[in-house]
Amino acid sequence: MYSAKQNRNRHYLTNTLKISALSLLLFSAACSSESGTASNTDKESKPSGETTQTAAAVYDSALKEAQALESYAIESKTNYSVEQPAAEGAEAPKPTETVIDITGDVIAKPEVQYGLKIDTVAQGQQGTTELYAAGDELHTKSGSDAWSTKSLKNTDEEMSITTDLLDPAPLLEELESYKDSLKLTEDDKSYTLSLEASGEEAGKLIQASLGRQLGESAEADQLSQLLQNGSEGSVSYNLTIDKTSNQLMSSAVKLDTNLTVSEQALHITANSDGTYSKQNEVGEIAVPAEATADTKTSKK
């Protein structure tokens, strides 16, 4: 399994991305890391036919490259809707809609650094956060548009850092036990790996995504218990792999499931789409000049 070098910066990124815990639990902004093309099966492609590649071989090559990935740029969009049935004699409440957009650059090795803009829309309220973790400082702008700078030196809190939230390797690793079930299509420039699962298998994949995004945490334990107590639904993956570099260029994940929370049935539909670019080309994180001007650095 992939494990990035431990680093202090993910602690702050994780807390920021918990703006919508349920959404980020089920999908990555890292998330995770999904595709800008809704589904590559929607565009013209040709069957793998006589290709010498198998889906498993393409998957293995993509995973190897993802595990070695040192830096990249990411654009991702996650949106989900939560519906609940109407009470007897009443109209059903309007679905709760949430959208999370993440764009920016990430250095994954040897130490995690990033420059990210996170836009959210939740229950009609919009918000924007900018995060720049570079060297020994974290620069943040949110809410009032004022920048704050936090020193990351000499912190007393042990912070285990991986790039699971945004890194493509953990996303691919979720599918390792399913690689022989992946379907392969291709065009002149890329392969597309796809998988559809329902019932118990979908539940396992959702559990894997949960673990990738929240790790060992109270939120993960709580939602894990909800899933274990019963969920019905389906999940699908579409991964686009560049033929020349074997890099994961984009992915699309879609979810449709039902959960029961406090004896209340919830129907959740979600999708997470994004693209990767600039693989191994991000040399440094450029911090905006205004982020370092007239800010007070707080030290733990």
Protein backbone atom coordinates (compact mmCIF):
# COMPACT_ATOMS: atom_id res chain seq x y z
CA MET A 1 0.00 0.00 0.00
CA TYR A 2 1.08 3.56 -0.69
CA SER A 3 2.24 5.73 2.17
CA ALA A 4 3.56 9.24 1.63
CA LYS A 5 6.17 10.77 3.92
CA GLN A 6 4.73 11.98 7.19
CA ASN A 7 4.26 15.75 7.20
CA ARG A 8 2.55 18.31 9.41
CA ASN A 9 0.52 20.10 6.73
CA ARG A 10 -2.32 17.60 6.20
CA HIS A 11 -3.75 18.30 9.66
CA TYR A 12 -4.78 21.79 8.58
CA LEU A 13 -5.93 20.71 5.14
CA THR A 14 -8.09 17.93 6.61
CA ASN A 15 -9.83 20.29 9.02
CA THR A 16 -10.59 22.75 6.22
CA LEU A 17 -11.96 20.07 3.93
CA LYS A 18 -14.33 18.86 6.65
CA ILE A 19 -16.58 21.77 5.63
CA SER A 20 -18.96 19.04 4.50
CA ALA A 21 -18.00 15.89 6.38
CA LEU A 22 -20.49 13.59 4.68
CA SER A 23 -19.51 14.69 1.19
CA LEU A 24 -15.80 14.47 1.86
CA LEU A 25 -16.23 11.17 3.60
CA LEU A 26 -17.78 9.59 0.56
CA PHE A 27 -15.49 11.19 -2.01
CA SER A 28 -12.13 12.68 -2.34
CA ALA A 29 -10.64 16.36 -2.78
CA ALA A 30 -8.65 14.98 -2.61
CA CYS A 31 -10.28 14.31 -3.12
CA SER A 32 -9.54 13.26 -3.76
CA SER A 33 -9.05 13.68 -7.39
CA GLU A 34 -11.78 13.00 -9.93
CA SER A 35 -12.56 13.82 -13.53
CA GLY A 36 -13.47 16.97 -15.44
CA THR A 37 -15.24 14.86 -18.08
CA ALA A 38 -18.40 13.51 -16.51
CA SER A 39 -17.74 10.02 -17.78
CA ASN A 40 -15.40 8.89 -20.49
CA THR A 41 -17.93 6.31 -21.57
CA ASP A 42 -20.02 9.27 -22.71
CA LYS A 43 -17.50 10.32 -25.34
CA GLU A 44 -16.60 8.43 -28.47
CA SER A 45 -14.24 5.56 -27.75
CA LYS A 46 -13.38 2.29 -29.33
CA PRO A 47 -13.34 -1.14 -27.69
CA SER A 48 -9.99 -2.42 -26.53
CA GLY A 49 -10.28 -5.07 -29.24
CA GLU A 50 -6.95 -6.53 -30.27
CA THR A 51 -4.86 -4.37 -27.95
CA THR A 52 -2.05 -6.18 -26.20
CA GLN A 53 -3.01 -4.41 -22.97
CA THR A 54 -5.47 -5.80 -20.48
CA ALA A 55 -7.43 -3.72 -18.00
CA ALA A 56 -5.38 -5.18 -15.14
CA ALA A 57 -2.10 -4.33 -16.88
CA VAL A 58 -3.20 -0.75 -17.53
CA TYR A 59 -4.30 -0.47 -13.91
CA ASP A 60 -0.96 -1.80 -12.62
CA SER A 61 0.99 0.69 -14.73
CA ALA A 62 -1.21 3.60 -13.62
CA LEU A 63 -0.87 2.63 -9.96
CA LYS A 64 2.92 2.41 -10.23
CA GLU A 65 3.10 5.90 -11.73
CA ALA A 66 0.68 7.32 -9.17
CA GLN A 67 2.68 5.92 -6.27
CA ALA A 68 5.83 7.58 -7.62
CA LEU A 69 4.12 10.90 -8.37
CA GLU A 70 5.98 13.82 -6.80
CA SER A 71 3.80 16.78 -7.79
CA TYR A 72 0.73 17.73 -9.81
CA ALA A 73 -2.03 20.27 -10.39
CA ILE A 74 -5.60 19.38 -9.56
CA GLU A 75 -9.07 20.60 -10.47
CA SER A 76 -11.92 18.78 -8.77
CA LYS A 77 -15.63 19.28 -8.23
CA THR A 78 -17.72 17.30 -5.79
CA ASN A 79 -21.46 17.74 -5.46
CA TYR A 80 -24.06 15.77 -3.64
CA SER A 81 -27.74 15.86 -2.82
CA VAL A 82 -29.42 14.50 0.30
CA GLU A 83 -33.15 13.80 0.14
CA GLN A 84 -35.50 12.63 2.85
CA PRO A 85 -39.05 11.37 2.39
CA ALA A 86 -42.04 13.39 3.38
CA ALA A 87 -43.64 12.88 6.76
CA GLU A 88 -47.18 11.58 6.70
CA GLY A 89 -49.50 14.29 5.46
CA ALA A 90 -46.68 16.71 4.60
CA GLU A 91 -44.59 17.64 1.61
CA ALA A 92 -41.07 16.30 1.31
CA PRO A 93 -38.42 18.85 2.28
CA LYS A 94 -36.22 20.23 -0.46
CA PRO A 95 -33.02 18.24 -1.06
CA THR A 96 -29.87 19.54 0.62
CA GLU A 97 -27.31 20.41 -2.05
CA THR A 98 -23.58 20.84 -1.49
CA VAL A 99 -20.85 21.67 -4.01
CA ILE A 100 -17.10 21.74 -3.30
CA ASP A 101 -14.56 22.93 -5.90
CA ILE A 102 -10.82 22.52 -5.31
CA THR A 103 -8.11 23.87 -7.61
CA GLY A 104 -4.39 24.27 -7.15
CA ASP A 105 -0.93 22.75 -7.05
CA VAL A 106 0.37 19.98 -4.81
CA ILE A 107 3.87 18.78 -4.02
CA ALA A 108 3.52 15.27 -2.61
CA LYS A 109 7.17 14.33 -2.04
CA PRO A 110 9.41 14.54 -0.17
CA GLU A 111 7.26 16.79 2.06
CA VAL A 112 3.66 17.73 1.36
CA GLN A 113 3.14 21.33 0.28
CA TYR A 114 0.18 22.87 -1.52
CA GLY A 115 -1.47 26.00 -2.82
CA LEU A 116 -5.22 25.46 -3.00
CA LYS A 117 -8.42 27.41 -3.50
CA ILE A 118 -11.54 25.76 -2.09
CA ASP A 119 -14.98 27.09 -3.08
CA THR A 120 -18.06 25.71 -1.35
CA VAL A 121 -21.79 26.13 -1.73
CA ALA A 122 -23.83 24.55 1.07
CA GLN A 123 -27.50 25.23 1.77
CA GLY A 124 -27.32 28.31 -0.43
CA GLN A 125 -24.33 29.77 1.40
CA GLN A 126 -21.10 30.37 -0.53
CA GLY A 127 -17.61 30.38 0.91
CA THR A 128 -14.03 30.50 -0.33
CA THR A 129 -10.84 29.45 1.43
CA GLU A 130 -7.29 29.73 0.16
CA LEU A 131 -4.51 27.64 1.70
CA TYR A 132 -0.78 27.83 1.03
CA ALA A 133 1.41 25.40 2.95
CA ALA A 134 5.00 26.13 1.99
CA GLY A 135 8.16 25.60 3.99
CA ASP A 136 7.43 26.12 7.68
CA GLU A 137 4.38 28.35 7.28
CA LEU A 138 0.69 27.94 6.51
CA HIS A 139 -1.06 30.97 4.98
CA THR A 140 -4.86 31.01 5.07
CA LYS A 141 -7.52 33.38 3.72
CA SER A 142 -11.20 32.81 4.40
CA GLY A 143 -14.35 34.64 5.44
CA SER A 144 -13.24 38.23 5.96
CA ASP A 145 -10.64 38.02 3.16
CA ALA A 146 -7.92 38.72 5.71
CA TRP A 147 -4.81 36.56 5.56
CA SER A 148 -3.42 34.75 8.58
CA THR A 149 -0.07 33.00 8.87
CA LYS A 150 0.70 30.14 11.20
CA SER A 151 4.16 28.86 11.98
CA LEU A 152 4.56 25.12 11.58
CA LYS A 153 7.87 25.01 13.45
CA ASN A 154 8.27 23.29 16.79
CA THR A 155 4.70 22.07 16.92
CA ASP A 156 3.96 19.87 19.92
CA GLU A 157 1.19 18.01 18.12
CA GLU A 158 2.21 14.90 16.24
CA MET A 159 0.65 15.08 12.79
CA SER A 160 0.70 12.12 10.47
CA ILE A 161 0.59 13.46 6.95
CA THR A 162 -0.18 11.63 3.77
CA THR A 163 -1.51 12.99 0.52
CA ASP A 164 -4.59 10.74 0.65
CA LEU A 165 -7.07 13.61 0.32
CA LEU A 166 -5.81 14.65 -3.11
CA ASP A 167 -3.32 12.02 -4.25
CA PRO A 168 -4.35 9.66 -7.10
CA ALA A 169 -2.58 6.62 -5.62
CA PRO A 170 -5.05 5.95 -2.75
CA LEU A 171 -7.95 6.34 -5.19
CA LEU A 172 -6.45 3.70 -7.45
CA GLU A 173 -5.61 1.46 -4.51
CA GLU A 174 -9.29 1.30 -3.60
CA LEU A 175 -9.82 -0.69 -6.78
CA GLU A 176 -6.87 -3.09 -6.46
CA SER A 177 -8.96 -6.10 -5.49
CA TYR A 178 -11.30 -5.31 -8.40
CA LYS A 179 -8.69 -4.86 -11.14
CA ASP A 180 -9.63 -8.10 -12.89
CA SER A 181 -13.22 -6.85 -13.08
CA LEU A 182 -12.37 -3.51 -14.65
CA LYS A 183 -13.59 -2.83 -18.17
CA LEU A 184 -11.18 -1.30 -20.69
CA THR A 185 -11.93 1.05 -23.61
CA GLU A 186 -9.51 3.28 -25.47
CA ASP A 187 -9.03 6.04 -27.98
CA ASP A 188 -5.86 7.22 -29.70
CA LYS A 189 -4.44 8.97 -26.62
CA SER A 190 -5.86 7.28 -23.56
CA TYR A 191 -7.32 4.22 -21.89
CA THR A 192 -10.48 4.33 -19.81
CA LEU A 193 -10.95 1.91 -16.93
CA SER A 194 -14.48 1.58 -15.58
CA LEU A 195 -16.18 -0.29 -12.79
CA GLU A 196 -19.76 -0.46 -11.58
CA ALA A 197 -20.71 -2.03 -8.26
CA SER A 198 -23.91 -2.37 -6.28
CA GLY A 199 -25.11 -3.82 -2.99
CA GLU A 200 -22.43 -5.25 -0.73
CA GLU A 201 -19.57 -4.51 -3.14
CA ALA A 202 -20.60 -0.87 -3.39
CA GLY A 203 -20.64 -0.72 0.40
CA LYS A 204 -17.06 -2.00 0.54
CA LEU A 205 -15.89 0.65 -1.90
CA ILE A 206 -17.64 3.40 0.06
CA GLN A 207 -15.95 2.12 3.22
CA ALA A 208 -12.57 2.25 1.46
CA SER A 209 -13.22 5.82 0.37
CA LEU A 210 -14.22 6.71 3.92
CA GLY A 211 -10.96 5.37 5.29
CA ARG A 212 -8.91 7.21 2.68
CA GLN A 213 -10.47 10.57 3.43
CA LEU A 214 -10.83 10.66 7.19
CA GLY A 215 -8.50 7.95 8.43
CA GLU A 216 -8.87 7.15 12.11
CA SER A 217 -11.27 9.80 13.35
CA ALA A 218 -14.58 10.21 15.15
CA GLU A 219 -16.25 11.23 11.86
CA ALA A 220 -14.98 8.09 10.13
CA ASP A 221 -16.14 5.85 12.97
CA GLN A 222 -19.58 7.45 13.04
CA LEU A 223 -20.23 7.20 9.32
CA SER A 224 -18.65 3.77 9.11
CA GLN A 225 -21.21 2.58 11.65
CA LEU A 226 -24.02 4.07 9.58
CA LEU A 227 -22.83 2.18 6.52
CA GLN A 228 -22.41 -1.06 8.44
CA ASN A 229 -25.95 -0.75 9.72
CA GLY A 230 -27.23 -1.01 6.19
CA SER A 231 -27.01 0.80 2.89
CA GLU A 232 -28.33 -0.01 -0.53
CA GLY A 233 -27.11 1.58 -3.68
CA SER A 234 -24.48 1.68 -6.36
CA VAL A 235 -21.13 3.27 -7.14
CA SER A 236 -19.26 3.68 -10.44
CA TYR A 237 -15.72 4.66 -11.37
CA ASN A 238 -14.30 5.89 -14.68
CA LEU A 239 -10.55 6.47 -14.80
CA THR A 240 -8.71 7.96 -17.78
CA ILE A 241 -5.07 6.90 -18.19
CA ASP A 242 -2.65 8.58 -20.60
CA LYS A 243 -1.20 6.01 -22.99
CA THR A 244 2.25 7.60 -23.17
CA SER A 245 2.92 8.38 -19.50
CA ASN A 246 0.55 5.89 -17.82
CA GLN A 247 -0.50 8.78 -15.55
CA LEU A 248 -4.04 9.05 -14.22
CA MET A 249 -5.37 12.13 -16.04
CA SER A 250 -8.94 12.17 -14.74
CA SER A 251 -11.50 10.15 -12.87
CA ALA A 252 -15.22 10.27 -12.24
CA VAL A 253 -16.97 8.67 -9.29
CA LYS A 254 -20.75 8.49 -8.91
CA LEU A 255 -22.70 7.30 -5.90
CA ASP A 256 -26.34 6.50 -5.21
CA THR A 257 -27.12 5.13 -1.78
CA ASN A 258 -29.61 5.08 1.09
CA LEU A 259 -28.74 5.52 4.76
CA THR A 260 -30.76 5.61 7.93
CA VAL A 261 -29.71 8.30 10.42
CA SER A 262 -31.58 8.58 13.74
CA GLU A 263 -34.37 6.45 12.26
CA GLN A 264 -34.63 8.88 9.35
CA ALA A 265 -34.18 7.49 5.82
CA LEU A 266 -31.86 9.50 3.59
CA HIS A 267 -31.29 9.12 -0.14
CA ILE A 268 -27.85 10.37 -1.19
CA THR A 269 -26.68 10.94 -4.75
CA ALA A 270 -23.23 12.30 -5.40
CA ASN A 271 -20.56 12.65 -8.02
CA SER A 272 -16.99 13.81 -7.90
CA ASP A 273 -15.17 14.87 -11.07
CA GLY A 274 -11.71 16.27 -11.59
CA THR A 275 -8.55 16.35 -13.64
CA TYR A 276 -4.81 16.06 -13.02
CA SER A 277 -2.13 17.93 -14.95
CA LYS A 278 1.49 19.12 -14.59
CA GLN A 279 2.54 15.72 -13.26
CA ASN A 280 6.02 16.04 -11.69
CA GLU A 281 6.27 19.62 -13.00
CA VAL A 282 5.35 21.64 -9.89
CA GLY A 283 8.70 22.79 -8.52
CA GLU A 284 7.49 25.12 -5.77
CA ILE A 285 4.36 26.57 -4.22
CA ALA A 286 4.07 30.26 -5.08
CA VAL A 287 2.62 32.09 -2.08
CA PRO A 288 0.77 35.35 -3.00
CA ALA A 289 2.57 38.48 -1.87
CA GLU A 290 -0.49 39.69 0.04
CA ALA A 291 -0.44 36.51 2.12
CA THR A 292 2.88 37.48 3.71
CA ALA A 293 2.26 41.22 4.02
CA ASP A 294 1.23 42.61 7.41
CA THR A 295 0.30 39.24 8.89
CA LYS A 296 1.08 38.08 12.37
CA THR A 297 2.60 34.64 12.66
CA SER A 298 1.24 32.56 15.49
CA LYS A 299 3.37 29.81 16.94
CA LYS A 300 2.21 26.78 18.80
